């Protein structure tokens, strides 16, 4: 016997509209957080690369 699946369907067009808007807001928030994470991650990566260049330049100066 197949399991029963309960699907809540909003009763009025207003409820449906509110649900869709709520989902869109959640989706936008998630996307915003993802973009912040990506930008802070690439910023940290860039800082590490610059730090690496500075360290290698310091090493070269020390050897001279």
Protein backbone atom coordinates (compact mmCIF):
# COMPACT_ATOMS: atom_id res chain seq x y z
CA UNK A 1 0.00 0.00 0.00
CA UNK A 2 1.42 3.38 -1.01
CA UNK A 3 2.12 5.87 1.78
CA UNK A 4 -0.30 8.75 2.09
CA UNK A 5 1.06 12.17 1.32
CA UNK A 6 -0.72 15.18 2.77
CA UNK A 7 -0.55 18.24 0.59
CA UNK A 8 -1.70 21.52 2.07
CA UNK A 9 -3.32 23.65 -0.55
CA UNK A 10 -4.19 27.18 0.48
CA UNK A 11 -7.88 27.94 0.34
CA UNK A 12 -7.94 31.47 -1.00
CA UNK A 13 -5.97 33.34 -3.68
CA UNK A 14 -4.65 35.65 -0.94
CA UNK A 15 -3.25 32.72 1.02
CA UNK A 16 -1.63 31.38 -2.16
CA UNK A 17 -0.13 34.81 -2.95
CA UNK A 18 1.19 35.19 0.62
CA UNK A 19 2.73 31.72 0.47
CA UNK A 20 4.46 32.49 -2.83
CA UNK A 21 5.76 35.82 -1.51
CA UNK A 22 7.01 34.12 1.64
CA UNK A 23 8.84 31.51 -0.44
CA UNK A 24 10.36 34.24 -2.62
CA UNK A 25 11.59 36.13 0.45
CA UNK A 26 13.17 32.94 1.83
CA UNK A 27 14.74 32.20 -1.54
CA UNK A 28 16.16 35.74 -1.79
CA UNK A 29 17.56 35.51 1.75
CA UNK A 30 19.24 32.18 0.98
CA UNK A 31 20.69 33.55 -2.27
CA UNK A 32 21.95 36.65 -0.45
CA UNK A 33 23.66 34.53 2.23
CA UNK A 34 25.22 32.33 -0.46
CA UNK A 35 26.58 35.40 -2.27
CA UNK A 36 28.02 36.80 0.97
CA UNK A 37 29.71 33.46 1.65
CA UNK A 38 31.14 33.30 -1.86
CA UNK A 39 32.42 36.88 -1.79
CA UNK A 40 33.97 36.55 1.68
CA UNK A 41 35.53 33.23 0.63
CA UNK A 42 37.07 34.72 -2.53
CA UNK A 43 38.21 37.76 -0.52
CA UNK A 44 40.00 35.47 1.97
CA UNK A 45 41.55 33.57 -0.93
CA UNK A 46 42.78 36.82 -2.50
CA UNK A 47 44.24 37.94 0.84
CA UNK A 48 46.10 34.62 1.14
CA UNK A 49 47.53 34.99 -2.37
CA UNK A 50 48.67 38.56 -1.66
CA UNK A 51 50.16 37.43 1.64
CA UNK A 52 52.00 34.65 -0.22
CA UNK A 53 53.45 37.17 -2.69
CA UNK A 54 54.59 39.40 0.17
CA UNK A 55 56.19 36.44 1.95
CA UNK A 56 58.01 35.30 -1.20
CA UNK A 57 59.22 38.87 -1.84
CA UNK A 58 60.48 39.03 1.75
CA UNK A 59 62.28 35.70 1.24
CA UNK A 60 63.95 36.98 -1.94
CA UNK A 61 65.09 40.15 -0.17
CA UNK A 62 66.50 38.11 2.70
CA UNK A 63 68.58 35.98 0.32
CA UNK A 64 70.19 38.98 -1.38
